């Protein structure tokens, strides 16, 4: 338990951020899973990846890697 007001405020802020970040990561994972399941619509997944990167949930290079791999997988699936 925090004894200092600023520490208590930081605890409240951290809790809000944790909830926000968890929801964002969940949306991202769901979009990735949907895109990998064979659904050809990559735009929703790309949108969620970009949002997560913009908010700092994932790094920019990670976002680029996700998009690259999804695109490559879609091309492989299309070729079959």
PDB file of N, CA and C in Angstrom:
ATOM      1  N   UNK A   1       0.840  -1.186   0.000  1.00  0.00           N
ATOM      2  CA  UNK A   1       0.000   0.000   0.000  1.00  0.00           C
ATOM      3  C   UNK A   1       0.877   1.238   0.000  1.00  0.00           C
ATOM      4  N   UNK A   2       0.549   2.161  -0.872  1.00  0.00           N
ATOM      5  CA  UNK A   2       1.353   3.364  -1.005  1.00  0.00           C
ATOM      6  C   UNK A   2       1.065   4.333   0.140  1.00  0.00           C
ATOM      7  N   UNK A   3       2.129   4.909   0.670  1.00  0.00           N
ATOM      8  CA  UNK A   3       1.992   5.894   1.750  1.00  0.00           C
ATOM      9  C   UNK A   3       2.038   7.316   1.231  1.00  0.00           C
ATOM     10  N   UNK A   4       2.548   7.493   0.033  1.00  0.00           N
ATOM     11  CA  UNK A   4       2.730   8.829  -0.529  1.00  0.00           C
ATOM     12  C   UNK A   4       1.689   9.048  -1.620  1.00  0.00           C
ATOM     13  N   UNK A   5       1.130  10.251  -1.670  1.00  0.00           N
ATOM     14  CA  UNK A   5       0.055  10.540  -2.628  1.00  0.00           C
ATOM     15  C   UNK A   5       0.495  10.322  -4.063  1.00  0.00           C
ATOM     16  N   UNK A   6       1.707  10.732  -4.388  1.00  0.00           N
ATOM     17  CA  UNK A   6       2.186  10.576  -5.760  1.00  0.00           C
ATOM     18  C   UNK A   6       2.341   9.096  -6.116  1.00  0.00           C
ATOM     19  N   UNK A   7       2.730   8.281  -5.139  1.00  0.00           N
ATOM     20  CA  UNK A   7       2.865   6.838  -5.383  1.00  0.00           C
ATOM     21  C   UNK A   7       1.490   6.210  -5.599  1.00  0.00           C
ATOM     22  N   UNK A   8       0.515   6.683  -4.863  1.00  0.00           N
ATOM     23  CA  UNK A   8      -0.858   6.178  -5.036  1.00  0.00           C
ATOM     24  C   UNK A   8      -1.392   6.555  -6.412  1.00  0.00           C
ATOM     25  N   UNK A   9      -1.119   7.800  -6.830  1.00  0.00           N
ATOM     26  CA  UNK A   9      -1.550   8.247  -8.153  1.00  0.00           C
ATOM     27  C   UNK A   9      -0.867   7.423  -9.240  1.00  0.00           C
ATOM     28  N   UNK A  10       0.412   7.159  -9.078  1.00  0.00           N
ATOM     29  CA  UNK A  10       1.135   6.351 -10.063  1.00  0.00           C
ATOM     30  C   UNK A  10       0.562   4.944 -10.141  1.00  0.00           C
ATOM     31  N   UNK A  11       0.168   4.396  -8.997  1.00  0.00           N
ATOM     32  CA  UNK A  11      -0.448   3.067  -8.974  1.00  0.00           C
ATOM     33  C   UNK A  11      -1.751   3.057  -9.761  1.00  0.00           C
ATOM     34  N   UNK A  12      -2.559   4.108  -9.576  1.00  0.00           N
ATOM     35  CA  UNK A  12      -3.826   4.211 -10.316  1.00  0.00           C
ATOM     36  C   UNK A  12      -3.563   4.341 -11.815  1.00  0.00           C
ATOM     37  N   UNK A  13      -2.607   5.164 -12.180  1.00  0.00           N
ATOM     38  CA  UNK A  13      -2.286   5.353 -13.593  1.00  0.00           C
ATOM     39  C   UNK A  13      -1.759   4.062 -14.214  1.00  0.00           C
ATOM     40  N   UNK A  14      -0.920   3.353 -13.473  1.00  0.00           N
ATOM     41  CA  UNK A  14      -0.361   2.100 -13.987  1.00  0.00           C
ATOM     42  C   UNK A  14      -1.462   1.066 -14.202  1.00  0.00           C
ATOM     43  N   UNK A  15      -2.433   1.047 -13.318  1.00  0.00           N
ATOM     44  CA  UNK A  15      -3.551   0.099 -13.453  1.00  0.00           C
ATOM     45  C   UNK A  15      -4.374   0.411 -14.701  1.00  0.00           C
ATOM     46  N   UNK A  16      -4.644   1.698 -14.931  1.00  0.00           N
ATOM     47  CA  UNK A  16      -5.385   2.092 -16.136  1.00  0.00           C
ATOM     48  C   UNK A  16      -4.614   1.710 -17.390  1.00  0.00           C
ATOM     49  N   UNK A  17      -3.316   1.962 -17.389  1.00  0.00           N
ATOM     50  CA  UNK A  17      -2.484   1.634 -18.549  1.00  0.00           C
ATOM     51  C   UNK A  17      -2.451   0.133 -18.770  1.00  0.00           C
ATOM     52  N   UNK A  18      -2.386  -0.633 -17.690  1.00  0.00           N
ATOM     53  CA  UNK A  18      -2.348  -2.089 -17.802  1.00  0.00           C
ATOM     54  C   UNK A  18      -3.609  -2.614 -18.472  1.00  0.00           C
ATOM     55  N   UNK A  19      -4.747  -2.096 -18.065  1.00  0.00           N
ATOM     56  CA  UNK A  19      -6.024  -2.514 -18.651  1.00  0.00           C
ATOM     57  C   UNK A  19      -6.085  -2.126 -20.123  1.00  0.00           C
ATOM     58  N   UNK A  20      -5.656  -0.897 -20.431  1.00  0.00           N
ATOM     59  CA  UNK A  20      -5.656  -0.412 -21.808  1.00  0.00           C
ATOM     60  C   UNK A  20      -4.733  -1.248 -22.692  1.00  0.00           C
ATOM     61  N   UNK A  21      -3.529  -1.505 -22.189  1.00  0.00           N
ATOM     62  CA  UNK A  21      -2.554  -2.267 -22.960  1.00  0.00           C
ATOM     63  C   UNK A  21      -3.015  -3.701 -23.174  1.00  0.00           C
ATOM     64  N   UNK A  22      -3.624  -4.272 -22.159  1.00  0.00           N
ATOM     65  CA  UNK A  22      -4.103  -5.651 -22.269  1.00  0.00           C
ATOM     66  C   UNK A  22      -5.191  -5.765 -23.326  1.00  0.00           C
ATOM     67  N   UNK A  23      -6.095  -4.798 -23.359  1.00  0.00           N
ATOM     68  CA  UNK A  23      -7.162  -4.800 -24.358  1.00  0.00           C
ATOM     69  C   UNK A  23      -6.587  -4.636 -25.760  1.00  0.00           C
ATOM     70  N   UNK A  24      -5.615  -3.754 -25.903  1.00  0.00           N
ATOM     71  CA  UNK A  24      -4.991  -3.533 -27.210  1.00  0.00           C
ATOM     72  C   UNK A  24      -4.249  -4.755 -27.701  1.00  0.00           C
ATOM     73  N   UNK A  25      -3.522  -5.417 -26.807  1.00  0.00           N
ATOM     74  CA  UNK A  25      -2.785  -6.630 -27.184  1.00  0.00           C
ATOM     75  C   UNK A  25      -3.765  -7.732 -27.573  1.00  0.00           C
ATOM     76  N   UNK A  26      -4.881  -7.802 -26.863  1.00  0.00           N
ATOM     77  CA  UNK A  26      -5.886  -8.820 -27.163  1.00  0.00           C
ATOM     78  C   UNK A  26      -6.478  -8.593 -28.546  1.00  0.00           C
ATOM     79  N   UNK A  27      -6.795  -7.330 -28.865  1.00  0.00           N
ATOM     80  CA  UNK A  27      -7.311  -7.006 -30.201  1.00  0.00           C
ATOM     81  C   UNK A  27      -6.300  -7.366 -31.277  1.00  0.00           C
ATOM     82  N   UNK A  28      -5.036  -7.072 -31.011  1.00  0.00           N
ATOM     83  CA  UNK A  28      -3.975  -7.373 -31.968  1.00  0.00           C
ATOM     84  C   UNK A  28      -3.870  -8.879 -32.198  1.00  0.00           C
ATOM     85  N   UNK A  29      -3.844  -9.644 -31.115  1.00  0.00           N
ATOM     86  CA  UNK A  29      -3.719 -11.097 -31.239  1.00  0.00           C
ATOM     87  C   UNK A  29      -4.906 -11.699 -31.977  1.00  0.00           C
ATOM     88  N   UNK A  30      -6.098 -11.185 -31.707  1.00  0.00           N
ATOM     89  CA  UNK A  30      -7.295 -11.683 -32.393  1.00  0.00           C
ATOM     90  C   UNK A  30      -7.225 -11.398 -33.894  1.00  0.00           C
ATOM     91  N   UNK A  31      -6.780 -10.203 -34.241  1.00  0.00           N
ATOM     92  CA  UNK A  31      -6.670  -9.837 -35.651  1.00  0.00           C
ATOM     93  C   UNK A  31      -5.628 -10.697 -36.355  1.00  0.00           C
ATOM     94  N   UNK A  32      -4.501 -10.960 -35.675  1.00  0.00           N
ATOM     95  CA  UNK A  32      -3.462 -11.809 -36.259  1.00  0.00           C
ATOM     96  C   UNK A  32      -3.970 -13.237 -36.455  1.00  0.00           C
ATOM     97  N   UNK A  33      -4.671 -13.737 -35.463  1.00  0.00           N
ATOM     98  CA  UNK A  33      -5.194 -15.101 -35.558  1.00  0.00           C
ATOM     99  C   UNK A  33      -6.197 -15.209 -36.700  1.00  0.00           C
ATOM    100  N   UNK A  34      -7.047 -14.201 -36.843  1.00  0.00           N
ATOM    101  CA  UNK A  34      -8.040 -14.191 -37.912  1.00  0.00           C
ATOM    102  C   UNK A  34      -7.366 -14.138 -39.283  1.00  0.00           C
ATOM    103  N   UNK A  35      -6.320 -13.333 -39.395  1.00  0.00           N
ATOM    104  CA  UNK A  35      -5.608 -13.204 -40.673  1.00  0.00           C
ATOM    105  C   UNK A  35      -4.883 -14.497 -41.020  1.00  0.00           C
ATOM    106  N   UNK A  36      -4.339 -15.180 -40.016  1.00  0.00           N
ATOM    107  CA  UNK A  36      -3.609 -16.421 -40.255  1.00  0.00           C
ATOM    108  C   UNK A  36      -4.537 -17.592 -40.555  1.00  0.00           C
ATOM    109  N   UNK A  37      -5.805 -17.451 -40.211  1.00  0.00           N
ATOM    110  CA  UNK A  37      -6.736 -18.564 -40.368  1.00  0.00           C
ATOM    111  C   UNK A  37      -7.140 -18.791 -41.820  1.00  0.00           C
ATOM    112  N   UNK A  38      -6.628 -17.987 -42.705  1.00  0.00           N
ATOM    113  CA  UNK A  38      -6.930 -18.171 -44.114  1.00  0.00           C
ATOM    114  C   UNK A  38      -7.854 -17.107 -44.670  1.00  0.00           C
ATOM    115  N   UNK A  39      -8.316 -16.205 -43.820  1.00  0.00           N
ATOM    116  CA  UNK A  39      -9.145 -15.111 -44.305  1.00  0.00           C
ATOM    117  C   UNK A  39      -8.259 -14.167 -45.128  1.00  0.00           C
ATOM    118  N   UNK A  40      -8.603 -13.904 -46.379  1.00  0.00           N
ATOM    119  CA  UNK A  40      -7.735 -13.108 -47.236  1.00  0.00           C
ATOM    120  C   UNK A  40      -7.710 -11.616 -46.906  1.00  0.00           C
ATOM    121  N   UNK A  41      -8.571 -11.171 -45.996  1.00  0.00           N
ATOM    122  CA  UNK A  41      -8.655  -9.743 -45.682  1.00  0.00           C
ATOM    123  C   UNK A  41      -7.537  -9.348 -44.718  1.00  0.00           C
ATOM    124  N   UNK A  42      -6.458  -8.794 -45.250  1.00  0.00           N
ATOM    125  CA  UNK A  42      -5.324  -8.403 -44.425  1.00  0.00           C
ATOM    126  C   UNK A  42      -5.451  -6.978 -43.900  1.00  0.00           C
ATOM    127  N   UNK A  43      -6.366  -6.200 -44.468  1.00  0.00           N
ATOM    128  CA  UNK A  43      -6.428  -4.786 -44.101  1.00  0.00           C
ATOM    129  C   UNK A  43      -6.790  -4.593 -42.631  1.00  0.00           C
ATOM    130  N   UNK A  44      -7.668  -5.427 -42.089  1.00  0.00           N
ATOM    131  CA  UNK A  44      -8.030  -5.306 -40.673  1.00  0.00           C
ATOM    132  C   UNK A  44      -6.834  -5.626 -39.789  1.00  0.00           C
ATOM    133  N   UNK A  45      -6.116  -6.684 -40.153  1.00  0.00           N
ATOM    134  CA  UNK A  45      -4.934  -7.058 -39.377  1.00  0.00           C
ATOM    135  C   UNK A  45      -3.873  -5.965 -39.456  1.00  0.00           C
ATOM    136  N   UNK A  46      -3.651  -5.424 -40.648  1.00  0.00           N
ATOM    137  CA  UNK A  46      -2.665  -4.359 -40.814  1.00  0.00           C
ATOM    138  C   UNK A  46      -3.052  -3.142 -39.986  1.00  0.00           C
ATOM    139  N   UNK A  47      -4.341  -2.832 -39.970  1.00  0.00           N
ATOM    140  CA  UNK A  47      -4.829  -1.693 -39.199  1.00  0.00           C
ATOM    141  C   UNK A  47      -4.549  -1.883 -37.713  1.00  0.00           C
ATOM    142  N   UNK A  48      -4.847  -3.079 -37.195  1.00  0.00           N
ATOM    143  CA  UNK A  48      -4.613  -3.346 -35.769  1.00  0.00           C
ATOM    144  C   UNK A  48      -3.120  -3.336 -35.447  1.00  0.00           C
ATOM    145  N   UNK A  49      -2.306  -3.860 -36.358  1.00  0.00           N
ATOM    146  CA  UNK A  49      -0.859  -3.855 -36.145  1.00  0.00           C
ATOM    147  C   UNK A  49      -0.354  -2.415 -36.077  1.00  0.00           C
ATOM    148  N   UNK A  50      -0.811  -1.575 -37.003  1.00  0.00           N
ATOM    149  CA  UNK A  50      -0.377  -0.174 -37.020  1.00  0.00           C
ATOM    150  C   UNK A  50      -0.832   0.568 -35.768  1.00  0.00           C
ATOM    151  N   UNK A  51      -2.050   0.299 -35.321  1.00  0.00           N
ATOM    152  CA  UNK A  51      -2.552   0.942 -34.102  1.00  0.00           C
ATOM    153  C   UNK A  51      -1.718   0.537 -32.891  1.00  0.00           C
ATOM    154  N   UNK A  52      -1.398  -0.755 -32.801  1.00  0.00           N
ATOM    155  CA  UNK A  52      -0.602  -1.238 -31.670  1.00  0.00           C
ATOM    156  C   UNK A  52       0.789  -0.611 -31.675  1.00  0.00           C
ATOM    157  N   UNK A  53       1.379  -0.476 -32.856  1.00  0.00           N
ATOM    158  CA  UNK A  53       2.703   0.138 -32.951  1.00  0.00           C
ATOM    159  C   UNK A  53       2.636   1.624 -32.590  1.00  0.00           C
ATOM    160  N   UNK A  54       1.593   2.288 -33.042  1.00  0.00           N
ATOM    161  CA  UNK A  54       1.442   3.720 -32.760  1.00  0.00           C
ATOM    162  C   UNK A  54       1.286   3.970 -31.261  1.00  0.00           C
ATOM    163  N   UNK A  55       0.586   3.071 -30.585  1.00  0.00           N
ATOM    164  CA  UNK A  55       0.358   3.231 -29.148  1.00  0.00           C
ATOM    165  C   UNK A  55       1.516   2.713 -28.303  1.00  0.00           C
ATOM    166  N   UNK A  56       2.509   2.095 -28.953  1.00  0.00           N
ATOM    167  CA  UNK A  56       3.668   1.620 -28.207  1.00  0.00           C
ATOM    168  C   UNK A  56       3.493   0.236 -27.615  1.00  0.00           C
ATOM    169  N   UNK A  57       2.462  -0.483 -28.017  1.00  0.00           N
ATOM    170  CA  UNK A  57       2.256  -1.840 -27.501  1.00  0.00           C
ATOM    171  C   UNK A  57       3.277  -2.808 -28.088  1.00  0.00           C
ATOM    172  N   UNK A  58       3.660  -2.552 -29.342  1.00  0.00           N
ATOM    173  CA  UNK A  58       4.717  -3.320 -29.978  1.00  0.00           C
ATOM    174  C   UNK A  58       5.663  -2.325 -30.653  1.00  0.00           C
ATOM    175  N   UNK A  59       6.882  -2.761 -30.892  1.00  0.00           N
ATOM    176  CA  UNK A  59       7.848  -1.876 -31.544  1.00  0.00           C
ATOM    177  C   UNK A  59       7.568  -1.812 -33.038  1.00  0.00           C
ATOM    178  N   UNK A  60       8.080  -0.764 -33.668  1.00  0.00           N
ATOM    179  CA  UNK A  60       7.849  -0.558 -35.098  1.00  0.00           C
ATOM    180  C   UNK A  60       8.386  -1.712 -35.926  1.00  0.00           C
ATOM    181  N   UNK A  61       9.565  -2.207 -35.571  1.00  0.00           N
ATOM    182  CA  UNK A  61      10.152  -3.294 -36.342  1.00  0.00           C
ATOM    183  C   UNK A  61       9.322  -4.571 -36.201  1.00  0.00           C
ATOM    184  N   UNK A  62       8.758  -4.788 -35.029  1.00  0.00           N
ATOM    185  CA  UNK A  62       7.896  -5.951 -34.804  1.00  0.00           C
ATOM    186  C   UNK A  62       6.652  -5.847 -35.673  1.00  0.00           C
ATOM    187  N   UNK A  63       6.096  -4.648 -35.754  1.00  0.00           N
ATOM    188  CA  UNK A  63       4.916  -4.432 -36.595  1.00  0.00           C
ATOM    189  C   UNK A  63       5.241  -4.717 -38.056  1.00  0.00           C
ATOM    190  N   UNK A  64       6.388  -4.234 -38.512  1.00  0.00           N
ATOM    191  CA  UNK A  64       6.788  -4.477 -39.890  1.00  0.00           C
ATOM    192  C   UNK A  64       6.997  -5.967 -40.155  1.00  0.00           C
ATOM    193  N   UNK A  65       7.569  -6.657 -39.183  1.00  0.00           N
ATOM    194  CA  UNK A  65       7.798  -8.096 -39.330  1.00  0.00           C
ATOM    195  C   UNK A  65       6.478  -8.848 -39.417  1.00  0.00           C
ATOM    196  N   UNK A  66       5.532  -8.497 -38.572  1.00  0.00           N
ATOM    197  CA  UNK A  66       4.207  -9.131 -38.613  1.00  0.00           C
ATOM    198  C   UNK A  66       3.565  -8.943 -39.986  1.00  0.00           C
ATOM    199  N   UNK A  67       3.614  -7.702 -40.479  1.00  0.00           N
ATOM    200  CA  UNK A  67       2.978  -7.401 -41.767  1.00  0.00           C
ATOM    201  C   UNK A  67       3.668  -8.147 -42.904  1.00  0.00           C
ATOM    202  N   UNK A  68       4.983  -8.210 -42.852  1.00  0.00           N
ATOM    203  CA  UNK A  68       5.734  -8.907 -43.889  1.00  0.00           C
ATOM    204  C   UNK A  68       5.383 -10.390 -43.912  1.00  0.00           C
ATOM    205  N   UNK A  69       5.331 -10.996 -42.749  1.00  0.00           N
ATOM    206  CA  UNK A  69       5.031 -12.426 -42.670  1.00  0.00           C
ATOM    207  C   UNK A  69       3.594 -12.728 -43.080  1.00  0.00           C
ATOM    208  N   UNK A  70       2.668 -11.860 -42.714  1.00  0.00           N
ATOM    209  CA  UNK A  70       1.277 -12.058 -43.129  1.00  0.00           C
ATOM    210  C   UNK A  70       1.140 -11.949 -44.644  1.00  0.00           C
ATOM    211  N   UNK A  71       1.825 -10.981 -45.228  1.00  0.00           N
ATOM    212  CA  UNK A  71       1.780 -10.804 -46.668  1.00  0.00           C
ATOM    213  C   UNK A  71       2.366 -12.018 -47.385  1.00  0.00           C
ATOM    214  N   UNK A  72       3.495 -12.502 -46.886  1.00  0.00           N
ATOM    215  CA  UNK A  72       4.149 -13.671 -47.501  1.00  0.00           C
ATOM    216  C   UNK A  72       3.248 -14.895 -47.388  1.00  0.00           C
ATOM    217  N   UNK A  73       2.613 -15.070 -46.241  1.00  0.00           N
ATOM    218  CA  UNK A  73       1.717 -16.221 -46.054  1.00  0.00           C
ATOM    219  C   UNK A  73       0.512 -16.137 -46.986  1.00  0.00           C
ATOM    220  N   UNK A  74      -0.015 -14.918 -47.164  1.00  0.00           N
ATOM    221  CA  UNK A  74      -1.159 -14.732 -48.072  1.00  0.00           C
ATOM    222  C   UNK A  74      -0.776 -15.051 -49.506  1.00  0.00           C
ATOM    223  N   UNK A  75       0.432 -14.648 -49.907  1.00  0.00           N
ATOM    224  CA  UNK A  75       0.888 -14.941 -51.268  1.00  0.00           C
ATOM    225  C   UNK A  75       1.076 -16.440 -51.468  1.00  0.00           C
ATOM    226  N   UNK A  76       1.615 -17.119 -50.450  1.00  0.00           N
ATOM    227  CA  UNK A  76       1.774 -18.570 -50.547  1.00  0.00           C
ATOM    228  C   UNK A  76       0.427 -19.263 -50.652  1.00  0.00           C
ATOM    229  N   UNK A  77      -0.526 -18.812 -49.866  1.00  0.00           N
ATOM    230  CA  UNK A  77      -1.858 -19.405 -49.896  1.00  0.00           C
ATOM    231  C   UNK A  77      -2.543 -19.149 -51.229  1.00  0.00           C
ATOM    232  N   UNK A  78      -2.306 -17.977 -51.802  1.00  0.00           N
ATOM    233  CA  UNK A  78      -2.914 -17.617 -53.081  1.00  0.00           C
ATOM    234  C   UNK A  78      -2.322 -18.460 -54.223  1.00  0.00           C
ATOM    235  N   UNK A  79      -1.048 -18.787 -54.097  1.00  0.00           N
ATOM    236  CA  UNK A  79      -0.373 -19.564 -55.146  1.00  0.00           C
ATOM    237  C   UNK A  79      -0.867 -21.006 -55.193  1.00  0.00           C
ATOM    238  N   UNK A  80      -1.343 -21.495 -54.066  1.00  0.00           N
ATOM    239  CA  UNK A  80      -1.813 -22.895 -54.016  1.00  0.00           C
ATOM    240  C   UNK A  80      -3.148 -23.094 -54.656  1.00  0.00           C
TER     241      UNK A  80
END
